[in-house]
Amino acid sequence: MSVVVIRATSSRRLVPGTTGWTVRDLDNPEIERQWDSSHYEIIEGVLTKMAPAYYDGGVALSNVIDLVKSHLKKTKAGGHFL
């Protein structure tokens, strides 16, 4: 007697707000393809969509950090900015 194992393909779609997701779901090539095409993350089993990171916002934040660091150094206030 022989046993044939057939791996079922998942028709599950990446829909933000759906639950029951784990990192093992990314082993499915179709799920992985969807995952790679956008900005998803899994938080406590819930699929969420991350906002894209934009360079322009990073420049503004970097400028603020530089100003705060400069002020701390000039006033010898001490402390760290992270």
PDB file of N, CA and C in Angstrom:
ATOM      1  N   MET A   1       0.846  -1.175   0.000  1.00  0.00           N
ATOM      2  CA  MET A   1       0.000   0.000   0.000  1.00  0.00           C
ATOM      3  C   MET A   1       0.890   1.236   0.000  1.00  0.00           C
ATOM      4  N   SER A   2       0.618   2.150  -0.894  1.00  0.00           N
ATOM      5  CA  SER A   2       1.404   3.375  -0.941  1.00  0.00           C
ATOM      6  C   SER A   2       0.548   4.554  -0.486  1.00  0.00           C
ATOM      7  N   VAL A   3       1.217   5.529   0.079  1.00  0.00           N
ATOM      8  CA  VAL A   3       0.538   6.725   0.574  1.00  0.00           C
ATOM      9  C   VAL A   3       0.985   7.895  -0.277  1.00  0.00           C
ATOM     10  N   VAL A   4       0.044   8.645  -0.769  1.00  0.00           N
ATOM     11  CA  VAL A   4       0.344   9.822  -1.561  1.00  0.00           C
ATOM     12  C   VAL A   4      -0.005  11.043  -0.725  1.00  0.00           C
ATOM     13  N   VAL A   5       0.968  11.909  -0.543  1.00  0.00           N
ATOM     14  CA  VAL A   5       0.744  13.133   0.212  1.00  0.00           C
ATOM     15  C   VAL A   5       0.636  14.274  -0.777  1.00  0.00           C
ATOM     16  N   ILE A   6      -0.471  14.966  -0.721  1.00  0.00           N
ATOM     17  CA  ILE A   6      -0.688  16.108  -1.605  1.00  0.00           C
ATOM     18  C   ILE A   6      -0.725  17.354  -0.751  1.00  0.00           C
ATOM     19  N   ARG A   7       0.129  18.279  -1.066  1.00  0.00           N
ATOM     20  CA  ARG A   7       0.163  19.531  -0.326  1.00  0.00           C
ATOM     21  C   ARG A   7      -0.900  20.465  -0.900  1.00  0.00           C
ATOM     22  N   ALA A   8      -1.803  20.855  -0.050  1.00  0.00           N
ATOM     23  CA  ALA A   8      -2.866  21.759  -0.492  1.00  0.00           C
ATOM     24  C   ALA A   8      -2.309  23.152  -0.685  1.00  0.00           C
ATOM     25  N   THR A   9      -2.738  23.806  -1.724  1.00  0.00           N
ATOM     26  CA  THR A   9      -2.321  25.181  -1.937  1.00  0.00           C
ATOM     27  C   THR A   9      -3.306  26.103  -1.252  1.00  0.00           C
ATOM     28  N   SER A  10      -2.815  27.127  -0.667  1.00  0.00           N
ATOM     29  CA  SER A  10      -3.658  28.061   0.068  1.00  0.00           C
ATOM     30  C   SER A  10      -4.224  29.112  -0.869  1.00  0.00           C
ATOM     31  N   SER A  11      -5.507  29.353  -0.743  1.00  0.00           N
ATOM     32  CA  SER A  11      -6.113  30.434  -1.514  1.00  0.00           C
ATOM     33  C   SER A  11      -6.253  31.673  -0.641  1.00  0.00           C
ATOM     34  N   ARG A  12      -5.637  31.649   0.495  1.00  0.00           N
ATOM     35  CA  ARG A  12      -5.701  32.756   1.444  1.00  0.00           C
ATOM     36  C   ARG A  12      -5.023  33.987   0.858  1.00  0.00           C
ATOM     37  N   ARG A  13      -5.625  35.134   1.083  1.00  0.00           N
ATOM     38  CA  ARG A  13      -5.076  36.396   0.583  1.00  0.00           C
ATOM     39  C   ARG A  13      -4.611  37.226   1.768  1.00  0.00           C
ATOM     40  N   LEU A  14      -3.634  38.067   1.515  1.00  0.00           N
ATOM     41  CA  LEU A  14      -3.154  38.983   2.545  1.00  0.00           C
ATOM     42  C   LEU A  14      -4.122  40.158   2.637  1.00  0.00           C
ATOM     43  N   VAL A  15      -4.949  40.132   3.653  1.00  0.00           N
ATOM     44  CA  VAL A  15      -5.924  41.188   3.875  1.00  0.00           C
ATOM     45  C   VAL A  15      -5.676  41.760   5.261  1.00  0.00           C
ATOM     46  N   PRO A  16      -5.243  43.025   5.341  1.00  0.00           N
ATOM     47  CA  PRO A  16      -4.981  43.623   6.656  1.00  0.00           C
ATOM     48  C   PRO A  16      -6.184  43.491   7.575  1.00  0.00           C
ATOM     49  N   GLY A  17      -5.885  43.132   8.837  1.00  0.00           N
ATOM     50  CA  GLY A  17      -6.927  42.968   9.837  1.00  0.00           C
ATOM     51  C   GLY A  17      -7.330  41.520  10.052  1.00  0.00           C
ATOM     52  N   THR A  18      -6.933  40.625   9.115  1.00  0.00           N
ATOM     53  CA  THR A  18      -7.257  39.221   9.303  1.00  0.00           C
ATOM     54  C   THR A  18      -6.332  38.620  10.354  1.00  0.00           C
ATOM     55  N   THR A  19      -6.820  37.595  11.033  1.00  0.00           N
ATOM     56  CA  THR A  19      -6.078  37.005  12.146  1.00  0.00           C
ATOM     57  C   THR A  19      -5.601  35.603  11.816  1.00  0.00           C
ATOM     58  N   GLY A  20      -4.769  35.071  12.701  1.00  0.00           N
ATOM     59  CA  GLY A  20      -4.292  33.700  12.559  1.00  0.00           C
ATOM     60  C   GLY A  20      -3.033  33.560  11.722  1.00  0.00           C
ATOM     61  N   TRP A  21      -2.337  34.643  11.478  1.00  0.00           N
ATOM     62  CA  TRP A  21      -1.126  34.606  10.652  1.00  0.00           C
ATOM     63  C   TRP A  21       0.088  34.245  11.490  1.00  0.00           C
ATOM     64  N   THR A  22       0.990  33.466  10.886  1.00  0.00           N
ATOM     65  CA  THR A  22       2.280  33.148  11.503  1.00  0.00           C
ATOM     66  C   THR A  22       3.351  33.251  10.423  1.00  0.00           C
ATOM     67  N   VAL A  23       4.584  33.212  10.857  1.00  0.00           N
ATOM     68  CA  VAL A  23       5.696  33.272   9.908  1.00  0.00           C
ATOM     69  C   VAL A  23       5.678  32.052   8.983  1.00  0.00           C
ATOM     70  N   ARG A  24       5.107  30.953   9.429  1.00  0.00           N
ATOM     71  CA  ARG A  24       5.034  29.746   8.587  1.00  0.00           C
ATOM     72  C   ARG A  24       4.164  29.958   7.350  1.00  0.00           C
ATOM     73  N   ASP A  25       3.226  30.898   7.433  1.00  0.00           N
ATOM     74  CA  ASP A  25       2.394  31.194   6.258  1.00  0.00           C
ATOM     75  C   ASP A  25       3.238  31.695   5.097  1.00  0.00           C
ATOM     76  N   LEU A  26       4.398  32.265   5.396  1.00  0.00           N
ATOM     77  CA  LEU A  26       5.263  32.806   4.344  1.00  0.00           C
ATOM     78  C   LEU A  26       5.988  31.713   3.573  1.00  0.00           C
ATOM     79  N   ASP A  27       5.867  30.456   4.039  1.00  0.00           N
ATOM     80  CA  ASP A  27       6.450  29.336   3.301  1.00  0.00           C
ATOM     81  C   ASP A  27       5.669  29.047   2.020  1.00  0.00           C
ATOM     82  N   ASN A  28       4.438  29.505   1.959  1.00  0.00           N
ATOM     83  CA  ASN A  28       3.608  29.319   0.775  1.00  0.00           C
ATOM     84  C   ASN A  28       4.069  30.320  -0.294  1.00  0.00           C
ATOM     85  N   PRO A  29       4.472  29.853  -1.468  1.00  0.00           N
ATOM     86  CA  PRO A  29       4.996  30.761  -2.499  1.00  0.00           C
ATOM     87  C   PRO A  29       4.023  31.877  -2.897  1.00  0.00           C
ATOM     88  N   GLU A  30       2.734  31.569  -2.962  1.00  0.00           N
ATOM     89  CA  GLU A  30       1.750  32.589  -3.332  1.00  0.00           C
ATOM     90  C   GLU A  30       1.653  33.666  -2.249  1.00  0.00           C
ATOM     91  N   ILE A  31       1.629  33.250  -0.991  1.00  0.00           N
ATOM     92  CA  ILE A  31       1.590  34.206   0.122  1.00  0.00           C
ATOM     93  C   ILE A  31       2.875  35.038   0.130  1.00  0.00           C
ATOM     94  N   GLU A  32       4.002  34.390  -0.088  1.00  0.00           N
ATOM     95  CA  GLU A  32       5.284  35.093  -0.114  1.00  0.00           C
ATOM     96  C   GLU A  32       5.312  36.141  -1.224  1.00  0.00           C
ATOM     97  N   ARG A  33       4.752  35.797  -2.383  1.00  0.00           N
ATOM     98  CA  ARG A  33       4.721  36.743  -3.497  1.00  0.00           C
ATOM     99  C   ARG A  33       3.897  37.974  -3.121  1.00  0.00           C
ATOM    100  N   GLN A  34       2.743  37.748  -2.513  1.00  0.00           N
ATOM    101  CA  GLN A  34       1.907  38.870  -2.071  1.00  0.00           C
ATOM    102  C   GLN A  34       2.642  39.700  -1.013  1.00  0.00           C
ATOM    103  N   TRP A  35       3.300  39.012  -0.093  1.00  0.00           N
ATOM    104  CA  TRP A  35       4.021  39.667   1.004  1.00  0.00           C
ATOM    105  C   TRP A  35       5.097  40.591   0.452  1.00  0.00           C
ATOM    106  N   ASP A  36       5.850  40.089  -0.522  1.00  0.00           N
ATOM    107  CA  ASP A  36       6.952  40.860  -1.093  1.00  0.00           C
ATOM    108  C   ASP A  36       6.482  42.049  -1.927  1.00  0.00           C
ATOM    109  N   SER A  37       5.231  42.048  -2.352  1.00  0.00           N
ATOM    110  CA  SER A  37       4.743  43.116  -3.210  1.00  0.00           C
ATOM    111  C   SER A  37       4.250  44.338  -2.440  1.00  0.00           C
ATOM    112  N   SER A  38       4.265  44.275  -1.108  1.00  0.00           N
ATOM    113  CA  SER A  38       3.770  45.406  -0.327  1.00  0.00           C
ATOM    114  C   SER A  38       4.495  45.498   1.003  1.00  0.00           C
ATOM    115  N   HIS A  39       3.930  46.247   1.932  1.00  0.00           N
ATOM    116  CA  HIS A  39       4.559  46.494   3.239  1.00  0.00           C
ATOM    117  C   HIS A  39       3.698  45.907   4.346  1.00  0.00           C
ATOM    118  N   TYR A  40       3.831  44.606   4.573  1.00  0.00           N
ATOM    119  CA  TYR A  40       3.040  43.931   5.590  1.00  0.00           C
ATOM    120  C   TYR A  40       3.891  43.598   6.798  1.00  0.00           C
ATOM    121  N   GLU A  41       3.200  43.401   7.935  1.00  0.00           N
ATOM    122  CA  GLU A  41       3.842  42.820   9.102  1.00  0.00           C
ATOM    123  C   GLU A  41       2.776  42.073   9.882  1.00  0.00           C
ATOM    124  N   ILE A  42       3.228  41.115  10.693  1.00  0.00           N
ATOM    125  CA  ILE A  42       2.318  40.326  11.515  1.00  0.00           C
ATOM    126  C   ILE A  42       2.563  40.729  12.963  1.00  0.00           C
ATOM    127  N   ILE A  43       1.512  41.219  13.611  1.00  0.00           N
ATOM    128  CA  ILE A  43       1.612  41.626  15.017  1.00  0.00           C
ATOM    129  C   ILE A  43       0.635  40.774  15.807  1.00  0.00           C
ATOM    130  N   GLU A  44       1.185  39.903  16.650  1.00  0.00           N
ATOM    131  CA  GLU A  44       0.389  38.997  17.477  1.00  0.00           C
ATOM    132  C   GLU A  44      -0.670  38.265  16.659  1.00  0.00           C
ATOM    133  N   GLY A  45      -0.263  37.791  15.479  1.00  0.00           N
ATOM    134  CA  GLY A  45      -1.136  36.997  14.642  1.00  0.00           C
ATOM    135  C   GLY A  45      -2.067  37.784  13.735  1.00  0.00           C
ATOM    136  N   VAL A  46      -2.046  39.110  13.855  1.00  0.00           N
ATOM    137  CA  VAL A  46      -2.915  39.957  13.029  1.00  0.00           C
ATOM    138  C   VAL A  46      -2.079  40.561  11.908  1.00  0.00           C
ATOM    139  N   LEU A  47      -2.565  40.415  10.685  1.00  0.00           N
ATOM    140  CA  LEU A  47      -1.864  40.986   9.542  1.00  0.00           C
ATOM    141  C   LEU A  47      -2.136  42.484   9.475  1.00  0.00           C
ATOM    142  N   THR A  48      -1.084  43.262   9.413  1.00  0.00           N
ATOM    143  CA  THR A  48      -1.225  44.712   9.313  1.00  0.00           C
ATOM    144  C   THR A  48      -0.397  45.195   8.139  1.00  0.00           C
ATOM    145  N   LYS A  49      -0.724  46.372   7.676  1.00  0.00           N
ATOM    146  CA  LYS A  49       0.020  46.973   6.576  1.00  0.00           C
ATOM    147  C   LYS A  49       0.754  48.182   7.116  1.00  0.00           C
ATOM    148  N   MET A  50       2.056  48.197   6.898  1.00  0.00           N
ATOM    149  CA  MET A  50       2.889  49.290   7.374  1.00  0.00           C
ATOM    150  C   MET A  50       2.834  50.444   6.387  1.00  0.00           C
ATOM    151  N   ALA A  51       2.915  51.636   6.921  1.00  0.00           N
ATOM    152  CA  ALA A  51       3.045  52.802   6.051  1.00  0.00           C
ATOM    153  C   ALA A  51       4.433  52.772   5.427  1.00  0.00           C
ATOM    154  N   PRO A  52       4.546  53.127   4.162  1.00  0.00           N
ATOM    155  CA  PRO A  52       5.863  53.131   3.532  1.00  0.00           C
ATOM    156  C   PRO A  52       6.754  54.206   4.145  1.00  0.00           C
ATOM    157  N   ALA A  53       8.016  53.900   4.232  1.00  0.00           N
ATOM    158  CA  ALA A  53       8.983  54.862   4.749  1.00  0.00           C
ATOM    159  C   ALA A  53       9.422  55.774   3.609  1.00  0.00           C
ATOM    160  N   TYR A  54       9.379  57.041   3.850  1.00  0.00           N
ATOM    161  CA  TYR A  54       9.796  58.001   2.831  1.00  0.00           C
ATOM    162  C   TYR A  54      11.064  58.711   3.279  1.00  0.00           C
ATOM    163  N   TYR A  55      11.967  58.899   2.366  1.00  0.00           N
ATOM    164  CA  TYR A  55      13.236  59.550   2.663  1.00  0.00           C
ATOM    165  C   TYR A  55      13.031  60.987   3.135  1.00  0.00           C
ATOM    166  N   ASP A  56      12.075  61.706   2.558  1.00  0.00           N
ATOM    167  CA  ASP A  56      11.858  63.102   2.941  1.00  0.00           C
ATOM    168  C   ASP A  56      11.594  63.249   4.430  1.00  0.00           C
ATOM    169  N   GLY A  57      10.807  62.373   5.000  1.00  0.00           N
ATOM    170  CA  GLY A  57      10.528  62.412   6.432  1.00  0.00           C
ATOM    171  C   GLY A  57      11.777  62.140   7.250  1.00  0.00           C
ATOM    172  N   GLY A  58      12.636  61.292   6.741  1.00  0.00           N
ATOM    173  CA  GLY A  58      13.883  60.978   7.425  1.00  0.00           C
ATOM    174  C   GLY A  58      14.820  62.175   7.470  1.00  0.00           C
ATOM    175  N   VAL A  59      14.820  62.976   6.423  1.00  0.00           N
ATOM    176  CA  VAL A  59      15.663  64.172   6.377  1.00  0.00           C
ATOM    177  C   VAL A  59      15.214  65.168   7.442  1.00  0.00           C
ATOM    178  N   ALA A  60      13.904  65.387   7.537  1.00  0.00           N
ATOM    179  CA  ALA A  60      13.386  66.326   8.540  1.00  0.00           C
ATOM    180  C   ALA A  60      13.732  65.848   9.945  1.00  0.00           C
ATOM    181  N   LEU A  61      13.555  64.569  10.211  1.00  0.00           N
ATOM    182  CA  LEU A  61      13.877  64.027  11.528  1.00  0.00           C
ATOM    183  C   LEU A  61      15.365  64.158  11.818  1.00  0.00           C
ATOM    184  N   SER A  62      16.192  63.882  10.840  1.00  0.00           N
ATOM    185  CA  SER A  62      17.639  64.016  11.020  1.00  0.00           C
ATOM    186  C   SER A  62      18.024  65.455  11.354  1.00  0.00           C
ATOM    187  N   ASN A  63      17.381  66.421  10.708  1.00  0.00           N
ATOM    188  CA  ASN A  63      17.657  67.833  10.994  1.00  0.00           C
ATOM    189  C   ASN A  63      17.276  68.194  12.426  1.00  0.00           C
ATOM    190  N   VAL A  64      16.145  67.691  12.899  1.00  0.00           N
ATOM    191  CA  VAL A  64      15.721  67.958  14.283  1.00  0.00           C
ATOM    192  C   VAL A  64      16.713  67.336  15.263  1.00  0.00           C
ATOM    193  N   ILE A  65      17.143  66.128  14.990  1.00  0.00           N
ATOM    194  CA  ILE A  65      18.120  65.465  15.865  1.00  0.00           C
ATOM    195  C   ILE A  65      19.405  66.280  15.921  1.00  0.00           C
ATOM    196  N   ASP A  66      19.873  66.759  14.780  1.00  0.00           N
ATOM    197  CA  ASP A  66      21.089  67.583  14.752  1.00  0.00           C
ATOM    198  C   ASP A  66      20.921  68.847  15.592  1.00  0.00           C
ATOM    199  N   LEU A  67      19.760  69.503  15.490  1.00  0.00           N
ATOM    200  CA  LEU A  67      19.505  70.714  16.280  1.00  0.00           C
ATOM    201  C   LEU A  67      19.511  70.435  17.780  1.00  0.00           C
ATOM    202  N   VAL A  68      18.864  69.357  18.167  1.00  0.00           N
ATOM    203  CA  VAL A  68      18.803  69.011  19.593  1.00  0.00           C
ATOM    204  C   VAL A  68      20.196  68.656  20.113  1.00  0.00           C
ATOM    205  N   LYS A  69      20.944  67.867  19.363  1.00  0.00           N
ATOM    206  CA  LYS A  69      22.299  67.503  19.776  1.00  0.00           C
ATOM    207  C   LYS A  69      23.178  68.746  19.900  1.00  0.00           C
ATOM    208  N   SER A  70      23.066  69.650  18.943  1.00  0.00           N
ATOM    209  CA  SER A  70      23.848  70.888  18.972  1.00  0.00           C
ATOM    210  C   SER A  70      23.492  71.709  20.210  1.00  0.00           C
ATOM    211  N   HIS A  71      22.206  71.817  20.503  1.00  0.00           N
ATOM    212  CA  HIS A  71      21.759  72.571  21.681  1.00  0.00           C
ATOM    213  C   HIS A  71      22.284  71.934  22.971  1.00  0.00           C
ATOM    214  N   LEU A  72      22.197  70.615  23.081  1.00  0.00           N
ATOM    215  CA  LEU A  72      22.689  69.927  24.277  1.00  0.00           C
ATOM    216  C   LEU A  72      24.184  70.162  24.460  1.00  0.00           C
ATOM    217  N   LYS A  73      24.925  70.153  23.366  1.00  0.00           N
ATOM    218  CA  LYS A  73      26.372  70.347  23.443  1.00  0.00           C
ATOM    219  C   LYS A  73      26.705  71.776  23.843  1.00  0.00           C
ATOM    220  N   LYS A  74      26.040  72.778  23.236  1.00  0.00           N
ATOM    221  CA  LYS A  74      26.310  74.184  23.527  1.00  0.00           C
ATOM    222  C   LYS A  74      25.957  74.565  24.958  1.00  0.00           C
ATOM    223  N   THR A  75      24.851  74.038  25.444  1.00  0.00           N
ATOM    224  CA  THR A  75      24.401  74.397  26.792  1.00  0.00           C
ATOM    225  C   THR A  75      24.997  73.483  27.852  1.00  0.00           C
ATOM    226  N   LYS A  76      25.752  72.493  27.431  1.00  0.00           N
ATOM    227  CA  LYS A  76      26.342  71.501  28.338  1.00  0.00           C
ATOM    228  C   LYS A  76      25.283  70.911  29.250  1.00  0.00           C
ATOM    229  N   ALA A  77      24.110  70.721  28.679  1.00  0.00           N
ATOM    230  CA  ALA A  77      22.980  70.168  29.453  1.00  0.00           C
ATOM    231  C   ALA A  77      23.150  68.683  29.717  1.00  0.00           C
ATOM    232  N   GLY A  78      23.996  68.049  28.969  1.00  0.00           N
ATOM    233  CA  GLY A  78      24.176  66.614  29.168  1.00  0.00           C
ATOM    234  C   GLY A  78      23.033  65.846  28.539  1.00  0.00           C
ATOM    235  N   GLY A  79      23.032  64.590  28.770  1.00  0.00           N
ATOM    236  CA  GLY A  79      21.962  63.739  28.245  1.00  0.00           C
ATOM    237  C   GLY A  79      22.265  63.230  26.859  1.00  0.00           C
ATOM    238  N   HIS A  80      21.361  62.438  26.401  1.00  0.00           N
ATOM    239  CA  HIS A  80      21.525  61.818  25.079  1.00  0.00           C
ATOM    240  C   HIS A  80      20.221  61.934  24.313  1.00  0.00           C
ATOM    241  N   PHE A  81      20.329  61.980  23.024  1.00  0.00           N
ATOM    242  CA  PHE A  81      19.169  62.024  22.155  1.00  0.00           C
ATOM    243  C   PHE A  81      19.221  60.807  21.270  1.00  0.00           C
ATOM    244  N   LEU A  82      18.164  60.038  21.265  1.00  0.00           N
ATOM    245  CA  LEU A  82      18.167  58.802  20.506  1.00  0.00           C
ATOM    246  C   LEU A  82      16.988  58.735  19.606  1.00  0.00           C
TER     247      LEU A  82
END
